[in-house]
């Protein structure tokens, strides 16, 4: 696994809040690209939260943040039977995980919305 010499996104947000809109846009762009890629492979992360995102500032460009999504312990593929069980971290979990019998990739997008709101 690649070494990320930065910090967790939650620590970065706490130490640098409030984050500027431009910085939030860069972080969200990278997270959205990551999620689009995972969903194209039919993978649902199911536990996206500030604590599961590592950031690493690029030494050559102070404006650039390298984002790493970690902890795929609750991840499933869309054809997996366990995919319909309740899972995730309270506060980040989409309502349909708690109320619906089935859900899909949209639960990761909901978690990204919570992260954007927090930043």
PDB file of N, CA and C in Angstrom:
ATOM      1  N   UNK A   1       0.845  -1.174   0.000  1.00  0.00           N
ATOM      2  CA  UNK A   1       0.000   0.000   0.000  1.00  0.00           C
ATOM      3  C   UNK A   1       0.893   1.241   0.000  1.00  0.00           C
ATOM      4  N   UNK A   2       0.457   2.226  -0.704  1.00  0.00           N
ATOM      5  CA  UNK A   2       1.200   3.480  -0.799  1.00  0.00           C
ATOM      6  C   UNK A   2       1.180   4.229   0.536  1.00  0.00           C
ATOM      7  N   UNK A   3       2.309   4.808   0.893  1.00  0.00           N
ATOM      8  CA  UNK A   3       2.421   5.575   2.133  1.00  0.00           C
ATOM      9  C   UNK A   3       1.900   6.989   1.904  1.00  0.00           C
ATOM     10  N   UNK A   4       0.994   7.436   2.759  1.00  0.00           N
ATOM     11  CA  UNK A   4       0.478   8.806   2.701  1.00  0.00           C
ATOM     12  C   UNK A   4       1.043   9.553   3.894  1.00  0.00           C
ATOM     13  N   UNK A   5       1.903  10.513   3.640  1.00  0.00           N
ATOM     14  CA  UNK A   5       2.576  11.204   4.731  1.00  0.00           C
ATOM     15  C   UNK A   5       1.768  12.369   5.290  1.00  0.00           C
ATOM     16  N   UNK A   6       0.542  12.505   4.854  1.00  0.00           N
ATOM     17  CA  UNK A   6      -0.319  13.586   5.328  1.00  0.00           C
ATOM     18  C   UNK A   6      -1.054  13.215   6.601  1.00  0.00           C
ATOM     19  N   UNK A   7      -2.339  13.512   6.616  1.00  0.00           N
ATOM     20  CA  UNK A   7      -3.162  13.264   7.795  1.00  0.00           C
ATOM     21  C   UNK A   7      -4.562  12.860   7.361  1.00  0.00           C
ATOM     22  N   UNK A   8      -5.368  12.461   8.320  1.00  0.00           N
ATOM     23  CA  UNK A   8      -6.753  12.138   8.017  1.00  0.00           C
ATOM     24  C   UNK A   8      -7.501  13.434   7.690  1.00  0.00           C
ATOM     25  N   UNK A   9      -8.505  13.326   6.854  1.00  0.00           N
ATOM     26  CA  UNK A   9      -9.261  14.515   6.466  1.00  0.00           C
ATOM     27  C   UNK A   9      -9.937  15.153   7.671  1.00  0.00           C
ATOM     28  N   UNK A  10     -10.376  14.362   8.618  1.00  0.00           N
ATOM     29  CA  UNK A  10     -11.026  14.939   9.800  1.00  0.00           C
ATOM     30  C   UNK A  10     -10.052  15.830  10.573  1.00  0.00           C
ATOM     31  N   UNK A  11      -8.801  15.401  10.694  1.00  0.00           N
ATOM     32  CA  UNK A  11      -7.802  16.214  11.389  1.00  0.00           C
ATOM     33  C   UNK A  11      -7.498  17.485  10.605  1.00  0.00           C
ATOM     34  N   UNK A  12      -7.438  17.345   9.287  1.00  0.00           N
ATOM     35  CA  UNK A  12      -7.174  18.502   8.436  1.00  0.00           C
ATOM     36  C   UNK A  12      -8.300  19.530   8.553  1.00  0.00           C
ATOM     37  N   UNK A  13      -9.539  19.068   8.557  1.00  0.00           N
ATOM     38  CA  UNK A  13     -10.691  19.970   8.666  1.00  0.00           C
ATOM     39  C   UNK A  13     -10.694  20.668  10.026  1.00  0.00           C
ATOM     40  N   UNK A  14     -10.436  19.920  11.080  1.00  0.00           N
ATOM     41  CA  UNK A  14     -10.420  20.513  12.431  1.00  0.00           C
ATOM     42  C   UNK A  14      -9.310  21.552  12.558  1.00  0.00           C
ATOM     43  N   UNK A  15      -8.134  21.246  12.020  1.00  0.00           N
ATOM     44  CA  UNK A  15      -6.987  22.150  12.153  1.00  0.00           C
ATOM     45  C   UNK A  15      -7.033  23.347  11.213  1.00  0.00           C
ATOM     46  N   UNK A  16      -7.800  23.265  10.136  1.00  0.00           N
ATOM     47  CA  UNK A  16      -7.803  24.332   9.139  1.00  0.00           C
ATOM     48  C   UNK A  16      -9.180  24.923   8.871  1.00  0.00           C
ATOM     49  N   UNK A  17     -10.133  24.654   9.723  1.00  0.00           N
ATOM     50  CA  UNK A  17     -11.487  25.135   9.453  1.00  0.00           C
ATOM     51  C   UNK A  17     -11.616  26.626   9.777  1.00  0.00           C
ATOM     52  N   UNK A  18     -12.475  27.323   9.080  1.00  0.00           N
ATOM     53  CA  UNK A  18     -13.275  26.815   7.973  1.00  0.00           C
ATOM     54  C   UNK A  18     -12.445  26.713   6.708  1.00  0.00           C
ATOM     55  N   UNK A  19     -12.672  25.655   5.946  1.00  0.00           N
ATOM     56  CA  UNK A  19     -11.958  25.476   4.683  1.00  0.00           C
ATOM     57  C   UNK A  19     -12.537  26.426   3.635  1.00  0.00           C
ATOM     58  N   UNK A  20     -11.684  26.884   2.750  1.00  0.00           N
ATOM     59  CA  UNK A  20     -12.137  27.762   1.675  1.00  0.00           C
ATOM     60  C   UNK A  20     -12.919  26.943   0.652  1.00  0.00           C
ATOM     61  N   UNK A  21     -13.833  27.612  -0.022  1.00  0.00           N
ATOM     62  CA  UNK A  21     -14.682  26.940  -1.001  1.00  0.00           C
ATOM     63  C   UNK A  21     -13.857  26.260  -2.089  1.00  0.00           C
ATOM     64  N   UNK A  22     -12.817  26.919  -2.554  1.00  0.00           N
ATOM     65  CA  UNK A  22     -11.972  26.363  -3.610  1.00  0.00           C
ATOM     66  C   UNK A  22     -11.306  25.059  -3.148  1.00  0.00           C
ATOM     67  N   UNK A  23     -10.876  25.030  -1.897  1.00  0.00           N
ATOM     68  CA  UNK A  23     -10.242  23.831  -1.353  1.00  0.00           C
ATOM     69  C   UNK A  23     -11.255  22.687  -1.222  1.00  0.00           C
ATOM     70  N   UNK A  24     -12.464  23.017  -0.762  1.00  0.00           N
ATOM     71  CA  UNK A  24     -13.524  22.012  -0.665  1.00  0.00           C
ATOM     72  C   UNK A  24     -13.855  21.444  -2.038  1.00  0.00           C
ATOM     73  N   UNK A  25     -13.861  22.311  -3.048  1.00  0.00           N
ATOM     74  CA  UNK A  25     -14.151  21.856  -4.406  1.00  0.00           C
ATOM     75  C   UNK A  25     -13.093  20.880  -4.899  1.00  0.00           C
ATOM     76  N   UNK A  26     -11.822  21.156  -4.612  1.00  0.00           N
ATOM     77  CA  UNK A  26     -10.745  20.252  -5.034  1.00  0.00           C
ATOM     78  C   UNK A  26     -10.869  18.893  -4.349  1.00  0.00           C
ATOM     79  N   UNK A  27     -11.149  18.919  -3.051  1.00  0.00           N
ATOM     80  CA  UNK A  27     -11.293  17.670  -2.294  1.00  0.00           C
ATOM     81  C   UNK A  27     -12.480  16.872  -2.817  1.00  0.00           C
ATOM     82  N   UNK A  28     -13.617  17.530  -3.002  1.00  0.00           N
ATOM     83  CA  UNK A  28     -14.810  16.838  -3.469  1.00  0.00           C
ATOM     84  C   UNK A  28     -14.632  16.301  -4.881  1.00  0.00           C
ATOM     85  N   UNK A  29     -13.939  17.035  -5.732  1.00  0.00           N
ATOM     86  CA  UNK A  29     -13.697  16.568  -7.102  1.00  0.00           C
ATOM     87  C   UNK A  29     -12.941  15.249  -7.081  1.00  0.00           C
ATOM     88  N   UNK A  30     -11.900  15.172  -6.275  1.00  0.00           N
ATOM     89  CA  UNK A  30     -11.129  13.925  -6.194  1.00  0.00           C
ATOM     90  C   UNK A  30     -11.956  12.789  -5.594  1.00  0.00           C
ATOM     91  N   UNK A  31     -12.758  13.101  -4.571  1.00  0.00           N
ATOM     92  CA  UNK A  31     -13.599  12.068  -3.965  1.00  0.00           C
ATOM     93  C   UNK A  31     -14.654  11.570  -4.951  1.00  0.00           C
ATOM     94  N   UNK A  32     -15.258  12.489  -5.688  1.00  0.00           N
ATOM     95  CA  UNK A  32     -16.266  12.090  -6.671  1.00  0.00           C
ATOM     96  C   UNK A  32     -15.656  11.231  -7.774  1.00  0.00           C
ATOM     97  N   UNK A  33     -14.458  11.592  -8.235  1.00  0.00           N
ATOM     98  CA  UNK A  33     -13.789  10.776  -9.251  1.00  0.00           C
ATOM     99  C   UNK A  33     -13.495   9.376  -8.715  1.00  0.00           C
ATOM    100  N   UNK A  34     -13.114   9.294  -7.451  1.00  0.00           N
ATOM    101  CA  UNK A  34     -12.847   7.997  -6.821  1.00  0.00           C
ATOM    102  C   UNK A  34     -14.115   7.151  -6.753  1.00  0.00           C
ATOM    103  N   UNK A  35     -15.209   7.767  -6.335  1.00  0.00           N
ATOM    104  CA  UNK A  35     -16.475   7.046  -6.202  1.00  0.00           C
ATOM    105  C   UNK A  35     -17.017   6.626  -7.562  1.00  0.00           C
ATOM    106  N   UNK A  36     -16.884   7.492  -8.556  1.00  0.00           N
ATOM    107  CA  UNK A  36     -17.320   7.130  -9.913  1.00  0.00           C
ATOM    108  C   UNK A  36     -16.562   5.890 -10.383  1.00  0.00           C
ATOM    109  N   UNK A  37     -15.263   5.856 -10.117  1.00  0.00           N
ATOM    110  CA  UNK A  37     -14.457   4.694 -10.510  1.00  0.00           C
ATOM    111  C   UNK A  37     -14.919   3.437  -9.763  1.00  0.00           C
ATOM    112  N   UNK A  38     -15.094   3.531  -8.453  1.00  0.00           N
ATOM    113  CA  UNK A  38     -15.542   2.368  -7.684  1.00  0.00           C
ATOM    114  C   UNK A  38     -16.891   1.859  -8.173  1.00  0.00           C
ATOM    115  N   UNK A  39     -17.817   2.791  -8.404  1.00  0.00           N
ATOM    116  CA  UNK A  39     -19.150   2.397  -8.844  1.00  0.00           C
ATOM    117  C   UNK A  39     -19.129   1.800 -10.246  1.00  0.00           C
ATOM    118  N   UNK A  40     -18.179   2.223 -11.088  1.00  0.00           N
ATOM    119  CA  UNK A  40     -18.062   1.626 -12.419  1.00  0.00           C
ATOM    120  C   UNK A  40     -17.629   0.161 -12.329  1.00  0.00           C
ATOM    121  N   UNK A  41     -16.992  -0.193 -11.221  1.00  0.00           N
ATOM    122  CA  UNK A  41     -16.592  -1.582 -10.961  1.00  0.00           C
ATOM    123  C   UNK A  41     -17.630  -2.329 -10.125  1.00  0.00           C
ATOM    124  N   UNK A  42     -18.804  -1.696  -9.910  1.00  0.00           N
ATOM    125  CA  UNK A  42     -19.901  -2.257  -9.106  1.00  0.00           C
ATOM    126  C   UNK A  42     -19.503  -2.464  -7.643  1.00  0.00           C
ATOM    127  N   UNK A  43     -18.659  -1.583  -7.123  1.00  0.00           N
ATOM    128  CA  UNK A  43     -18.239  -1.640  -5.722  1.00  0.00           C
ATOM    129  C   UNK A  43     -18.909  -0.498  -4.966  1.00  0.00           C
ATOM    130  N   UNK A  44     -19.486  -0.831  -3.826  1.00  0.00           N
ATOM    131  CA  UNK A  44     -20.071   0.175  -2.925  1.00  0.00           C
ATOM    132  C   UNK A  44     -19.211   0.190  -1.672  1.00  0.00           C
ATOM    133  N   UNK A  45     -18.686   1.342  -1.310  1.00  0.00           N
ATOM    134  CA  UNK A  45     -17.784   1.456  -0.157  1.00  0.00           C
ATOM    135  C   UNK A  45     -18.547   1.260   1.153  1.00  0.00           C
ATOM    136  N   UNK A  46     -19.657   1.900   1.324  1.00  0.00           N
ATOM    137  CA  UNK A  46     -20.581   1.825   2.463  1.00  0.00           C
ATOM    138  C   UNK A  46     -20.073   2.428   3.763  1.00  0.00           C
ATOM    139  N   UNK A  47     -18.867   2.951   3.815  1.00  0.00           N
ATOM    140  CA  UNK A  47     -18.387   3.559   5.057  1.00  0.00           C
ATOM    141  C   UNK A  47     -17.509   4.774   4.758  1.00  0.00           C
ATOM    142  N   UNK A  48     -17.983   5.625   3.872  1.00  0.00           N
ATOM    143  CA  UNK A  48     -17.237   6.838   3.546  1.00  0.00           C
ATOM    144  C   UNK A  48     -17.477   7.849   4.656  1.00  0.00           C
ATOM    145  N   UNK A  49     -16.398   8.306   5.261  1.00  0.00           N
ATOM    146  CA  UNK A  49     -16.458   9.301   6.330  1.00  0.00           C
ATOM    147  C   UNK A  49     -15.126  10.023   6.394  1.00  0.00           C
ATOM    148  N   UNK A  50     -15.097  11.132   7.100  1.00  0.00           N
ATOM    149  CA  UNK A  50     -13.878  11.941   7.204  1.00  0.00           C
ATOM    150  C   UNK A  50     -12.704  11.130   7.724  1.00  0.00           C
ATOM    151  N   UNK A  51     -12.964  10.204   8.616  1.00  0.00           N
ATOM    152  CA  UNK A  51     -11.909   9.396   9.215  1.00  0.00           C
ATOM    153  C   UNK A  51     -11.309   8.393   8.229  1.00  0.00           C
ATOM    154  N   UNK A  52     -12.029   8.087   7.144  1.00  0.00           N
ATOM    155  CA  UNK A  52     -11.563   7.102   6.167  1.00  0.00           C
ATOM    156  C   UNK A  52     -11.002   7.745   4.907  1.00  0.00           C
ATOM    157  N   UNK A  53     -10.615   8.992   5.020  1.00  0.00           N
ATOM    158  CA  UNK A  53     -10.012   9.694   3.898  1.00  0.00           C
ATOM    159  C   UNK A  53      -8.689  10.271   4.374  1.00  0.00           C
ATOM    160  N   UNK A  54      -7.615   9.913   3.672  1.00  0.00           N
ATOM    161  CA  UNK A  54      -6.293  10.453   3.975  1.00  0.00           C
ATOM    162  C   UNK A  54      -5.970  11.541   2.962  1.00  0.00           C
ATOM    163  N   UNK A  55      -5.319  12.591   3.432  1.00  0.00           N
ATOM    164  CA  UNK A  55      -4.865  13.626   2.514  1.00  0.00           C
ATOM    165  C   UNK A  55      -3.357  13.706   2.588  1.00  0.00           C
ATOM    166  N   UNK A  56      -2.779  14.088   1.495  1.00  0.00           N
ATOM    167  CA  UNK A  56      -1.336  14.163   1.391  1.00  0.00           C
ATOM    168  C   UNK A  56      -1.016  15.340   0.490  1.00  0.00           C
ATOM    169  N   UNK A  57      -0.428  16.379   1.050  1.00  0.00           N
ATOM    170  CA  UNK A  57      -0.080  17.538   0.231  1.00  0.00           C
ATOM    171  C   UNK A  57       1.086  17.192  -0.672  1.00  0.00           C
ATOM    172  N   UNK A  58       0.947  17.544  -1.930  1.00  0.00           N
ATOM    173  CA  UNK A  58       2.007  17.342  -2.917  1.00  0.00           C
ATOM    174  C   UNK A  58       3.092  18.384  -2.672  1.00  0.00           C
ATOM    175  N   UNK A  59       4.326  17.934  -2.472  1.00  0.00           N
ATOM    176  CA  UNK A  59       5.424  18.844  -2.177  1.00  0.00           C
ATOM    177  C   UNK A  59       5.687  19.836  -3.300  1.00  0.00           C
ATOM    178  N   UNK A  60       5.439  19.441  -4.542  1.00  0.00           N
ATOM    179  CA  UNK A  60       5.745  20.300  -5.672  1.00  0.00           C
ATOM    180  C   UNK A  60       4.684  21.370  -5.906  1.00  0.00           C
ATOM    181  N   UNK A  61       3.469  21.113  -5.439  1.00  0.00           N
ATOM    182  CA  UNK A  61       2.386  22.071  -5.635  1.00  0.00           C
ATOM    183  C   UNK A  61       1.632  22.220  -4.322  1.00  0.00           C
ATOM    184  N   UNK A  62       1.746  23.347  -3.669  1.00  0.00           N
ATOM    185  CA  UNK A  62       1.097  23.526  -2.378  1.00  0.00           C
ATOM    186  C   UNK A  62      -0.423  23.547  -2.508  1.00  0.00           C
ATOM    187  N   UNK A  63      -0.952  23.822  -3.689  1.00  0.00           N
ATOM    188  CA  UNK A  63      -2.399  23.874  -3.898  1.00  0.00           C
ATOM    189  C   UNK A  63      -3.013  22.470  -3.997  1.00  0.00           C
ATOM    190  N   UNK A  64      -2.212  21.483  -4.307  1.00  0.00           N
ATOM    191  CA  UNK A  64      -2.722  20.141  -4.609  1.00  0.00           C
ATOM    192  C   UNK A  64      -2.804  19.283  -3.360  1.00  0.00           C
ATOM    193  N   UNK A  65      -3.939  18.649  -3.181  1.00  0.00           N
ATOM    194  CA  UNK A  65      -4.119  17.657  -2.129  1.00  0.00           C
ATOM    195  C   UNK A  65      -4.360  16.312  -2.786  1.00  0.00           C
ATOM    196  N   UNK A  66      -3.594  15.318  -2.397  1.00  0.00           N
ATOM    197  CA  UNK A  66      -3.812  13.959  -2.881  1.00  0.00           C
ATOM    198  C   UNK A  66      -4.744  13.262  -1.897  1.00  0.00           C
ATOM    199  N   UNK A  67      -5.832  12.763  -2.403  1.00  0.00           N
ATOM    200  CA  UNK A  67      -6.858  12.157  -1.563  1.00  0.00           C
ATOM    201  C   UNK A  67      -6.775  10.634  -1.700  1.00  0.00           C
ATOM    202  N   UNK A  68      -6.839   9.939  -0.578  1.00  0.00           N
ATOM    203  CA  UNK A  68      -6.817   8.474  -0.557  1.00  0.00           C
ATOM    204  C   UNK A  68      -7.998   7.973   0.275  1.00  0.00           C
ATOM    205  N   UNK A  69      -8.883   7.228  -0.355  1.00  0.00           N
ATOM    206  CA  UNK A  69     -10.002   6.614   0.348  1.00  0.00           C
ATOM    207  C   UNK A  69      -9.517   5.276   0.900  1.00  0.00           C
ATOM    208  N   UNK A  70      -9.734   5.050   2.190  1.00  0.00           N
ATOM    209  CA  UNK A  70      -9.234   3.835   2.840  1.00  0.00           C
ATOM    210  C   UNK A  70     -10.378   3.068   3.502  1.00  0.00           C
ATOM    211  N   UNK A  71     -10.055   1.969   4.134  1.00  0.00           N
ATOM    212  CA  UNK A  71     -10.951   1.128   4.917  1.00  0.00           C
ATOM    213  C   UNK A  71     -12.109   0.578   4.082  1.00  0.00           C
ATOM    214  N   UNK A  72     -11.802  -0.427   3.299  1.00  0.00           N
ATOM    215  CA  UNK A  72     -12.805  -1.068   2.464  1.00  0.00           C
ATOM    216  C   UNK A  72     -13.402  -2.298   3.153  1.00  0.00           C
ATOM    217  N   UNK A  73     -13.369  -2.318   4.485  1.00  0.00           N
ATOM    218  CA  UNK A  73     -13.854  -3.472   5.244  1.00  0.00           C
ATOM    219  C   UNK A  73     -15.340  -3.738   5.091  1.00  0.00           C
ATOM    220  N   UNK A  74     -16.146  -2.712   4.863  1.00  0.00           N
ATOM    221  CA  UNK A  74     -17.588  -2.887   4.687  1.00  0.00           C
ATOM    222  C   UNK A  74     -17.998  -2.865   3.222  1.00  0.00           C
ATOM    223  N   UNK A  75     -17.042  -2.751   2.330  1.00  0.00           N
ATOM    224  CA  UNK A  75     -17.346  -2.663   0.901  1.00  0.00           C
ATOM    225  C   UNK A  75     -17.908  -3.971   0.375  1.00  0.00           C
ATOM    226  N   UNK A  76     -18.778  -3.831  -0.616  1.00  0.00           N
ATOM    227  CA  UNK A  76     -19.382  -4.991  -1.250  1.00  0.00           C
ATOM    228  C   UNK A  76     -19.560  -4.701  -2.736  1.00  0.00           C
ATOM    229  N   UNK A  77     -19.774  -5.756  -3.485  1.00  0.00           N
ATOM    230  CA  UNK A  77     -20.157  -5.579  -4.878  1.00  0.00           C
ATOM    231  C   UNK A  77     -21.677  -5.571  -4.948  1.00  0.00           C
ATOM    232  N   UNK A  78     -22.204  -4.981  -5.998  1.00  0.00           N
ATOM    233  CA  UNK A  78     -23.665  -4.831  -6.092  1.00  0.00           C
ATOM    234  C   UNK A  78     -24.394  -6.152  -6.242  1.00  0.00           C
ATOM    235  N   UNK A  79     -23.704  -7.228  -6.579  1.00  0.00           N
ATOM    236  CA  UNK A  79     -24.354  -8.533  -6.701  1.00  0.00           C
ATOM    237  C   UNK A  79     -24.193  -9.395  -5.450  1.00  0.00           C
ATOM    238  N   UNK A  80     -23.628  -8.823  -4.392  1.00  0.00           N
ATOM    239  CA  UNK A  80     -23.396  -9.554  -3.149  1.00  0.00           C
ATOM    240  C   UNK A  80     -24.655  -9.529  -2.290  1.00  0.00           C
ATOM    241  N   UNK A  81     -25.049 -10.646  -1.748  1.00  0.00           N
ATOM    242  CA  UNK A  81     -26.254 -10.739  -0.930  1.00  0.00           C
ATOM    243  C   UNK A  81     -26.139  -9.903   0.346  1.00  0.00           C
ATOM    244  N   UNK A  82     -24.943  -9.794   0.931  1.00  0.00           N
ATOM    245  CA  UNK A  82     -24.758  -9.033   2.162  1.00  0.00           C
ATOM    246  C   UNK A  82     -24.900  -7.533   1.945  1.00  0.00           C
ATOM    247  N   UNK A  83     -24.992  -7.138   0.718  1.00  0.00           N
ATOM    248  CA  UNK A  83     -25.057  -5.738   0.360  1.00  0.00           C
ATOM    249  C   UNK A  83     -26.311  -5.079   0.907  1.00  0.00           C
ATOM    250  N   UNK A  84     -27.336  -5.861   1.216  1.00  0.00           N
ATOM    251  CA  UNK A  84     -28.584  -5.287   1.691  1.00  0.00           C
ATOM    252  C   UNK A  84     -28.684  -5.224   3.211  1.00  0.00           C
ATOM    253  N   UNK A  85     -27.621  -5.525   3.902  1.00  0.00           N
ATOM    254  CA  UNK A  85     -27.636  -5.431   5.361  1.00  0.00           C
ATOM    255  C   UNK A  85     -27.292  -4.023   5.806  1.00  0.00           C
ATOM    256  N   UNK A  86     -27.743  -3.663   6.980  1.00  0.00           N
ATOM    257  CA  UNK A  86     -27.441  -2.349   7.535  1.00  0.00           C
ATOM    258  C   UNK A  86     -25.969  -2.270   7.912  1.00  0.00           C
ATOM    259  N   UNK A  87     -25.326  -1.194   7.461  1.00  0.00           N
ATOM    260  CA  UNK A  87     -23.921  -1.007   7.802  1.00  0.00           C
ATOM    261  C   UNK A  87     -23.560   0.448   7.586  1.00  0.00           C
ATOM    262  N   UNK A  88     -22.434   0.848   8.148  1.00  0.00           N
ATOM    263  CA  UNK A  88     -21.967   2.221   8.008  1.00  0.00           C
ATOM    264  C   UNK A  88     -21.829   2.882   9.363  1.00  0.00           C
ATOM    265  N   UNK A  89     -21.406   4.134   9.335  1.00  0.00           N
ATOM    266  CA  UNK A  89     -21.193   4.896  10.555  1.00  0.00           C
ATOM    267  C   UNK A  89     -22.350   5.863  10.761  1.00  0.00           C
ATOM    268  N   UNK A  90     -22.994   5.830  11.944  1.00  0.00           N
ATOM    269  CA  UNK A  90     -24.076   6.787  12.195  1.00  0.00           C
ATOM    270  C   UNK A  90     -23.603   8.218  11.936  1.00  0.00           C
ATOM    271  N   UNK A  91     -24.451   8.996  11.334  1.00  0.00           N
ATOM    272  CA  UNK A  91     -24.096  10.356  10.977  1.00  0.00           C
ATOM    273  C   UNK A  91     -23.676  10.475   9.528  1.00  0.00           C
ATOM    274  N   UNK A  92     -23.180   9.399   8.947  1.00  0.00           N
ATOM    275  CA  UNK A  92     -22.774   9.380   7.544  1.00  0.00           C
ATOM    276  C   UNK A  92     -23.653   8.456   6.702  1.00  0.00           C
ATOM    277  N   UNK A  93     -24.406   7.590   7.354  1.00  0.00           N
ATOM    278  CA  UNK A  93     -25.171   6.569   6.645  1.00  0.00           C
ATOM    279  C   UNK A  93     -26.435   7.178   6.038  1.00  0.00           C
ATOM    280  N   UNK A  94     -26.753   6.744   4.826  1.00  0.00           N
ATOM    281  CA  UNK A  94     -27.935   7.230   4.115  1.00  0.00           C
ATOM    282  C   UNK A  94     -29.205   6.667   4.767  1.00  0.00           C
ATOM    283  N   UNK A  95     -30.300   7.419   4.729  1.00  0.00           N
ATOM    284  CA  UNK A  95     -31.546   6.948   5.361  1.00  0.00           C
ATOM    285  C   UNK A  95     -32.055   5.620   4.812  1.00  0.00           C
ATOM    286  N   UNK A  96     -31.861   5.377   3.499  1.00  0.00           N
ATOM    287  CA  UNK A  96     -32.376   4.132   2.929  1.00  0.00           C
ATOM    288  C   UNK A  96     -31.667   2.894   3.466  1.00  0.00           C
ATOM    289  N   UNK A  97     -30.470   3.047   4.005  1.00  0.00           N
ATOM    290  CA  UNK A  97     -29.779   1.910   4.624  1.00  0.00           C
ATOM    291  C   UNK A  97     -30.548   1.465   5.862  1.00  0.00           C
ATOM    292  N   UNK A  98     -31.121   2.426   6.571  1.00  0.00           N
ATOM    293  CA  UNK A  98     -31.847   2.115   7.802  1.00  0.00           C
ATOM    294  C   UNK A  98     -33.299   1.741   7.566  1.00  0.00           C
ATOM    295  N   UNK A  99     -33.908   2.259   6.486  1.00  0.00           N
ATOM    296  CA  UNK A  99     -35.343   2.062   6.297  1.00  0.00           C
ATOM    297  C   UNK A  99     -35.715   1.125   5.166  1.00  0.00           C
ATOM    298  N   UNK A 100     -34.866   1.004   4.150  1.00  0.00           N
ATOM    299  CA  UNK A 100     -35.232   0.229   2.973  1.00  0.00           C
ATOM    300  C   UNK A 100     -34.680  -1.188   3.026  1.00  0.00           C
ATOM    301  N   UNK A 101     -35.334  -2.066   2.302  1.00  0.00           N
ATOM    302  CA  UNK A 101     -34.841  -3.435   2.180  1.00  0.00           C
ATOM    303  C   UNK A 101     -33.659  -3.501   1.228  1.00  0.00           C
ATOM    304  N   UNK A 102     -33.657  -2.626   0.239  1.00  0.00           N
ATOM    305  CA  UNK A 102     -32.569  -2.609  -0.733  1.00  0.00           C
ATOM    306  C   UNK A 102     -32.060  -1.181  -0.914  1.00  0.00           C
ATOM    307  N   UNK A 103     -30.829  -1.081  -1.329  1.00  0.00           N
ATOM    308  CA  UNK A 103     -30.229   0.212  -1.653  1.00  0.00           C
ATOM    309  C   UNK A 103     -29.112  -0.029  -2.641  1.00  0.00           C
ATOM    310  N   UNK A 104     -28.560   1.054  -3.147  1.00  0.00           N
ATOM    311  CA  UNK A 104     -27.525   0.905  -4.163  1.00  0.00           C
ATOM    312  C   UNK A 104     -26.380   1.875  -3.952  1.00  0.00           C
ATOM    313  N   UNK A 105     -25.745   2.214  -5.035  1.00  0.00           N
ATOM    314  CA  UNK A 105     -24.551   3.059  -4.984  1.00  0.00           C
ATOM    315  C   UNK A 105     -24.833   4.462  -4.469  1.00  0.00           C
ATOM    316  N   UNK A 106     -26.092   4.875  -4.474  1.00  0.00           N
ATOM    317  CA  UNK A 106     -26.432   6.227  -4.028  1.00  0.00           C
ATOM    318  C   UNK A 106     -26.091   6.470  -2.558  1.00  0.00           C
ATOM    319  N   UNK A 107     -25.905   5.419  -1.777  1.00  0.00           N
ATOM    320  CA  UNK A 107     -25.585   5.631  -0.366  1.00  0.00           C
ATOM    321  C   UNK A 107     -24.192   6.237  -0.192  1.00  0.00           C
ATOM    322  N   UNK A 108     -23.272   5.936  -1.110  1.00  0.00           N
ATOM    323  CA  UNK A 108     -21.945   6.560  -1.066  1.00  0.00           C
ATOM    324  C   UNK A 108     -22.032   8.050  -1.386  1.00  0.00           C
ATOM    325  N   UNK A 109     -22.908   8.407  -2.306  1.00  0.00           N
ATOM    326  CA  UNK A 109     -23.085   9.811  -2.681  1.00  0.00           C
ATOM    327  C   UNK A 109     -23.656  10.599  -1.501  1.00  0.00           C
ATOM    328  N   UNK A 110     -24.579   9.991  -0.749  1.00  0.00           N
ATOM    329  CA  UNK A 110     -25.124  10.639   0.434  1.00  0.00           C
ATOM    330  C   UNK A 110     -24.011  10.942   1.441  1.00  0.00           C
ATOM    331  N   UNK A 111     -23.122   9.979   1.651  1.00  0.00           N
ATOM    332  CA  UNK A 111     -22.010  10.169   2.587  1.00  0.00           C
ATOM    333  C   UNK A 111     -21.094  11.310   2.131  1.00  0.00           C
ATOM    334  N   UNK A 112     -20.884  11.437   0.825  1.00  0.00           N
ATOM    335  CA  UNK A 112     -20.083  12.553   0.314  1.00  0.00           C
ATOM    336  C   UNK A 112     -20.752  13.891   0.600  1.00  0.00           C
ATOM    337  N   UNK A 113     -22.078  13.912   0.549  1.00  0.00           N
ATOM    338  CA  UNK A 113     -22.824  15.128   0.886  1.00  0.00           C
ATOM    339  C   UNK A 113     -22.609  15.528   2.338  1.00  0.00           C
ATOM    340  N   UNK A 114     -22.596  14.545   3.224  1.00  0.00           N
ATOM    341  CA  UNK A 114     -22.336  14.823   4.643  1.00  0.00           C
ATOM    342  C   UNK A 114     -20.938  15.385   4.819  1.00  0.00           C
ATOM    343  N   UNK A 115     -19.973  14.828   4.097  1.00  0.00           N
ATOM    344  CA  UNK A 115     -18.600  15.304   4.185  1.00  0.00           C
ATOM    345  C   UNK A 115     -18.495  16.734   3.678  1.00  0.00           C
ATOM    346  N   UNK A 116     -19.143  17.038   2.564  1.00  0.00           N
ATOM    347  CA  UNK A 116     -19.124  18.403   2.026  1.00  0.00           C
ATOM    348  C   UNK A 116     -19.743  19.375   3.012  1.00  0.00           C
ATOM    349  N   UNK A 117     -20.846  19.003   3.616  1.00  0.00           N
ATOM    350  CA  UNK A 117     -21.492  19.852   4.613  1.00  0.00           C
ATOM    351  C   UNK A 117     -20.576  20.102   5.809  1.00  0.00           C
ATOM    352  N   UNK A 118     -19.848  19.080   6.211  1.00  0.00           N
ATOM    353  CA  UNK A 118     -18.939  19.202   7.358  1.00  0.00           C
ATOM    354  C   UNK A 118     -17.765  20.126   7.071  1.00  0.00           C
ATOM    355  N   UNK A 119     -17.278  20.066   5.837  1.00  0.00           N
ATOM    356  CA  UNK A 119     -16.126  20.907   5.484  1.00  0.00           C
ATOM    357  C   UNK A 119     -16.529  22.364   5.450  1.00  0.00           C
TER     358      UNK A 119
END
